[in-house]
Every structure is written in structure tokens, then in C-alpha cells.
Amino acid sequence: MRVGKGNWWLWVFHHADSAVFIAAKHRSKAVVHAFLGDWRPDYWISDRYGGQMGWATREHQVCSRISSATSNTRSTLATRCSRPA
């Protein structure tokens, strides 16, 4: 997303019927840690970026197609991700 003249990342943390959107200058693990603190979710869905790995306590679902999708189709593709082998 554009903020001023720079590119920022829009993080979406979603659970059931609620979501939190966080705009950040970077995509590092620090953004996730600032939001989650020491709490960890059972499940995590993301692309294969290193900052997204290691957050789930039970299972991490990986979707490499999210990273190459346009912003208009990301939410649709998120439902089509495949589980890692």
C-alpha cells in the first residue's frame, strides 16, 4: 500500500468474525511480535516469507500464490491454499 511516497505492508490478522489491519513500513517478524506478543495461534496461513514462519502452535498452512497475487484476488486465493506436504 502507498503511504505518502513510500510502500508499506498491510498486515491482516483474522479470526472467525473479526480482523485487525496493521500498516507497517516493513514485513519483518517484529510486526507480528508487536501484535501477538508471547501469544501464539493454533493455525497460521501465509506465503513462504521467513517472517511468517514459526508462529503457529499446531499447523502452518502455506500458500505461495498469495505473494504473486494482486491485492484484489488475495482474499479469494487465501481460501484455495494447499497444505504443505
N, C-alpha and C. Protein backbone atom coordinates (compact mmCIF):
# COMPACT_ATOMS: atom_id res chain seq x y z
N MET A 1 0.85 -1.16 0.00
CA MET A 1 0.00 0.00 0.00
C MET A 1 0.89 1.23 0.00
N ARG A 2 0.41 2.34 -0.50
CA ARG A 2 1.18 3.58 -0.53
C ARG A 2 0.83 4.43 0.69
N VAL A 3 1.86 4.86 1.40
CA VAL A 3 1.71 5.81 2.49
C VAL A 3 2.67 6.95 2.18
N GLY A 4 2.12 8.11 1.90
CA GLY A 4 2.95 9.21 1.42
C GLY A 4 3.56 8.81 0.09
N LYS A 5 4.89 8.83 0.03
CA LYS A 5 5.58 8.43 -1.20
C LYS A 5 6.26 7.07 -1.06
N GLY A 6 5.96 6.36 0.02
CA GLY A 6 6.60 5.07 0.26
C GLY A 6 5.65 3.90 0.18
N ASN A 7 6.23 2.73 -0.02
CA ASN A 7 5.46 1.48 0.00
C ASN A 7 5.47 0.91 1.41
N TRP A 8 4.31 0.55 1.92
CA TRP A 8 4.16 -0.07 3.22
C TRP A 8 3.45 -1.41 3.02
N TRP A 9 3.48 -2.23 4.06
CA TRP A 9 2.80 -3.53 4.05
C TRP A 9 1.52 -3.41 4.86
N LEU A 10 0.46 -4.03 4.38
CA LEU A 10 -0.78 -4.09 5.14
C LEU A 10 -0.92 -5.50 5.68
N TRP A 11 -0.79 -5.64 6.97
CA TRP A 11 -0.92 -6.92 7.66
C TRP A 11 -2.37 -7.11 8.06
N VAL A 12 -2.88 -8.34 7.90
CA VAL A 12 -4.24 -8.67 8.30
C VAL A 12 -4.18 -9.85 9.26
N PHE A 13 -4.66 -9.63 10.46
CA PHE A 13 -4.77 -10.71 11.46
C PHE A 13 -6.26 -10.99 11.60
N HIS A 14 -6.65 -12.23 11.26
CA HIS A 14 -8.07 -12.56 11.14
C HIS A 14 -8.41 -13.77 12.00
N HIS A 15 -9.57 -13.71 12.64
CA HIS A 15 -10.08 -14.86 13.38
C HIS A 15 -11.59 -14.80 13.38
N ALA A 16 -12.20 -15.87 12.91
CA ALA A 16 -13.68 -16.00 12.88
C ALA A 16 -14.32 -14.77 12.26
N ASP A 17 -15.01 -13.96 13.07
CA ASP A 17 -15.75 -12.82 12.52
C ASP A 17 -15.07 -11.48 12.78
N SER A 18 -13.78 -11.49 13.10
CA SER A 18 -13.09 -10.23 13.37
C SER A 18 -11.74 -10.19 12.66
N ALA A 19 -11.25 -8.98 12.42
CA ALA A 19 -9.96 -8.80 11.77
C ALA A 19 -9.31 -7.51 12.28
N VAL A 20 -7.99 -7.51 12.33
CA VAL A 20 -7.21 -6.32 12.68
C VAL A 20 -6.29 -6.04 11.52
N PHE A 21 -6.24 -4.80 11.07
CA PHE A 21 -5.38 -4.38 9.98
C PHE A 21 -4.28 -3.48 10.55
N ILE A 22 -3.04 -3.80 10.20
CA ILE A 22 -1.91 -3.00 10.67
C ILE A 22 -1.06 -2.60 9.46
N ALA A 23 -0.85 -1.31 9.29
CA ALA A 23 0.03 -0.80 8.23
C ALA A 23 1.42 -0.62 8.83
N ALA A 24 2.42 -1.19 8.17
CA ALA A 24 3.79 -1.12 8.68
C ALA A 24 4.77 -0.84 7.55
N LYS A 25 5.87 -0.19 7.89
CA LYS A 25 6.90 0.14 6.90
C LYS A 25 7.66 -1.09 6.44
N HIS A 26 7.60 -2.16 7.19
CA HIS A 26 8.39 -3.35 6.86
C HIS A 26 7.56 -4.61 7.05
N ARG A 27 8.14 -5.73 6.62
CA ARG A 27 7.45 -7.01 6.65
C ARG A 27 8.14 -7.98 7.62
N SER A 28 8.89 -7.49 8.54
CA SER A 28 9.68 -8.34 9.43
C SER A 28 8.82 -8.99 10.52
N LYS A 29 9.43 -9.96 11.20
CA LYS A 29 8.76 -10.64 12.32
C LYS A 29 8.39 -9.67 13.43
N ALA A 30 9.06 -8.53 13.47
CA ALA A 30 8.79 -7.55 14.53
C ALA A 30 7.34 -7.06 14.49
N VAL A 31 6.74 -6.98 13.32
CA VAL A 31 5.35 -6.55 13.21
C VAL A 31 4.43 -7.58 13.86
N VAL A 32 4.66 -8.84 13.55
CA VAL A 32 3.84 -9.91 14.14
C VAL A 32 4.05 -9.96 15.64
N HIS A 33 5.29 -9.89 16.08
CA HIS A 33 5.58 -9.97 17.51
C HIS A 33 4.98 -8.79 18.27
N ALA A 34 5.00 -7.60 17.67
CA ALA A 34 4.41 -6.43 18.33
C ALA A 34 2.91 -6.62 18.53
N PHE A 35 2.26 -7.32 17.60
CA PHE A 35 0.82 -7.55 17.72
C PHE A 35 0.51 -8.72 18.64
N LEU A 36 1.19 -9.86 18.45
CA LEU A 36 0.88 -11.07 19.21
C LEU A 36 1.54 -11.12 20.58
N GLY A 37 2.68 -10.48 20.73
CA GLY A 37 3.43 -10.62 21.99
C GLY A 37 3.88 -12.06 22.14
N ASP A 38 3.67 -12.64 23.31
CA ASP A 38 4.06 -14.03 23.55
C ASP A 38 2.98 -15.04 23.19
N TRP A 39 1.78 -14.57 22.85
CA TRP A 39 0.69 -15.47 22.48
C TRP A 39 0.91 -16.01 21.07
N ARG A 40 0.56 -17.28 20.84
CA ARG A 40 0.68 -17.90 19.52
C ARG A 40 -0.63 -18.56 19.13
N PRO A 41 -1.06 -18.37 17.87
CA PRO A 41 -2.29 -19.00 17.40
C PRO A 41 -2.06 -20.48 17.11
N ASP A 42 -3.13 -21.26 17.10
CA ASP A 42 -3.03 -22.67 16.73
C ASP A 42 -2.67 -22.82 15.25
N TYR A 43 -3.26 -21.98 14.41
CA TYR A 43 -3.07 -22.10 12.97
C TYR A 43 -2.60 -20.78 12.37
N TRP A 44 -1.84 -20.88 11.29
CA TRP A 44 -1.32 -19.69 10.61
C TRP A 44 -1.35 -19.97 9.11
N ILE A 45 -1.82 -19.00 8.31
CA ILE A 45 -1.83 -19.11 6.85
C ILE A 45 -1.01 -17.96 6.30
N SER A 46 -0.05 -18.28 5.44
CA SER A 46 0.80 -17.24 4.86
C SER A 46 1.52 -17.74 3.63
N ASP A 47 2.30 -16.84 3.03
CA ASP A 47 3.23 -17.25 1.99
C ASP A 47 4.47 -17.83 2.68
N ARG A 48 5.53 -18.08 1.93
CA ARG A 48 6.72 -18.71 2.50
C ARG A 48 7.76 -17.73 3.03
N TYR A 49 7.41 -16.48 3.15
CA TYR A 49 8.35 -15.49 3.67
C TYR A 49 8.78 -15.85 5.09
N GLY A 50 10.07 -15.73 5.37
CA GLY A 50 10.62 -16.14 6.66
C GLY A 50 9.98 -15.48 7.86
N GLY A 51 9.57 -14.22 7.72
CA GLY A 51 8.93 -13.52 8.83
C GLY A 51 7.57 -14.09 9.20
N GLN A 52 7.02 -14.91 8.32
CA GLN A 52 5.71 -15.52 8.57
C GLN A 52 5.83 -16.92 9.17
N MET A 53 7.01 -17.46 9.20
CA MET A 53 7.19 -18.85 9.64
C MET A 53 7.36 -18.94 11.17
N GLY A 54 6.85 -20.05 11.72
CA GLY A 54 7.08 -20.35 13.13
C GLY A 54 6.10 -19.74 14.12
N TRP A 55 4.98 -19.22 13.67
CA TRP A 55 4.03 -18.60 14.59
C TRP A 55 2.97 -19.56 15.10
N ALA A 56 2.61 -20.57 14.32
CA ALA A 56 1.53 -21.48 14.71
C ALA A 56 2.00 -22.51 15.73
N THR A 57 1.11 -22.84 16.65
CA THR A 57 1.43 -23.89 17.63
C THR A 57 1.04 -25.28 17.11
N ARG A 58 0.09 -25.35 16.18
CA ARG A 58 -0.35 -26.66 15.68
C ARG A 58 0.00 -26.87 14.21
N GLU A 59 -0.37 -25.92 13.34
CA GLU A 59 -0.17 -26.14 11.90
C GLU A 59 -0.02 -24.82 11.17
N HIS A 60 0.89 -24.82 10.21
CA HIS A 60 1.09 -23.66 9.35
C HIS A 60 0.69 -24.05 7.93
N GLN A 61 -0.29 -23.37 7.39
CA GLN A 61 -0.74 -23.62 6.03
C GLN A 61 -0.03 -22.61 5.12
N VAL A 62 0.65 -23.10 4.09
CA VAL A 62 1.46 -22.25 3.21
C VAL A 62 0.77 -22.09 1.87
N CYS A 63 0.75 -20.87 1.37
CA CYS A 63 0.18 -20.58 0.07
C CYS A 63 1.12 -19.67 -0.68
N SER A 64 1.89 -20.22 -1.60
CA SER A 64 2.85 -19.42 -2.35
C SER A 64 2.17 -18.52 -3.36
N ARG A 65 0.93 -18.81 -3.72
CA ARG A 65 0.22 -17.99 -4.70
C ARG A 65 -0.17 -16.64 -4.14
N ILE A 66 -0.29 -16.50 -2.84
CA ILE A 66 -0.67 -15.21 -2.25
C ILE A 66 0.35 -14.15 -2.58
N SER A 67 1.63 -14.49 -2.54
CA SER A 67 2.67 -13.49 -2.75
C SER A 67 2.69 -12.94 -4.16
N SER A 68 2.20 -13.68 -5.13
CA SER A 68 2.22 -13.19 -6.50
C SER A 68 0.87 -12.64 -6.97
N ALA A 69 -0.12 -12.70 -6.12
CA ALA A 69 -1.47 -12.24 -6.50
C ALA A 69 -1.60 -10.74 -6.36
N THR A 70 -2.55 -10.17 -7.08
CA THR A 70 -2.86 -8.77 -6.91
C THR A 70 -3.69 -8.61 -5.64
N SER A 71 -3.73 -7.41 -5.11
CA SER A 71 -4.47 -7.20 -3.88
C SER A 71 -5.95 -7.52 -4.02
N ASN A 72 -6.50 -7.42 -5.22
CA ASN A 72 -7.92 -7.72 -5.43
C ASN A 72 -8.24 -9.20 -5.30
N THR A 73 -7.25 -10.07 -5.52
CA THR A 73 -7.55 -11.50 -5.52
C THR A 73 -6.96 -12.23 -4.32
N ARG A 74 -6.23 -11.56 -3.45
CA ARG A 74 -5.59 -12.25 -2.33
C ARG A 74 -6.58 -12.93 -1.40
N SER A 75 -7.69 -12.27 -1.09
CA SER A 75 -8.64 -12.90 -0.17
C SER A 75 -9.27 -14.14 -0.79
N THR A 76 -9.48 -14.14 -2.10
CA THR A 76 -10.03 -15.31 -2.78
C THR A 76 -9.03 -16.45 -2.78
N LEU A 77 -7.75 -16.13 -3.09
CA LEU A 77 -6.73 -17.16 -3.13
C LEU A 77 -6.44 -17.76 -1.76
N ALA A 78 -6.63 -16.99 -0.73
CA ALA A 78 -6.35 -17.50 0.62
C ALA A 78 -7.20 -18.72 0.93
N THR A 79 -8.37 -18.81 0.33
CA THR A 79 -9.23 -19.96 0.58
C THR A 79 -8.83 -21.16 -0.27
N ARG A 80 -7.92 -20.98 -1.24
CA ARG A 80 -7.51 -22.06 -2.14
C ARG A 80 -6.10 -22.58 -1.85
N CYS A 81 -5.51 -22.18 -0.78
CA CYS A 81 -4.14 -22.59 -0.47
C CYS A 81 -4.09 -24.08 -0.16
N SER A 82 -2.95 -24.68 -0.45
CA SER A 82 -2.79 -26.09 -0.15
C SER A 82 -1.91 -26.25 1.06
N ARG A 83 -2.11 -27.32 1.77
CA ARG A 83 -1.29 -27.61 2.96
C ARG A 83 0.06 -28.13 2.53
N PRO A 84 1.11 -27.81 3.33
CA PRO A 84 2.43 -28.33 2.96
C PRO A 84 2.49 -29.85 3.05
N ALA A 85 3.33 -30.43 2.22
CA ALA A 85 3.45 -31.91 2.20
C ALA A 85 4.18 -32.42 3.41
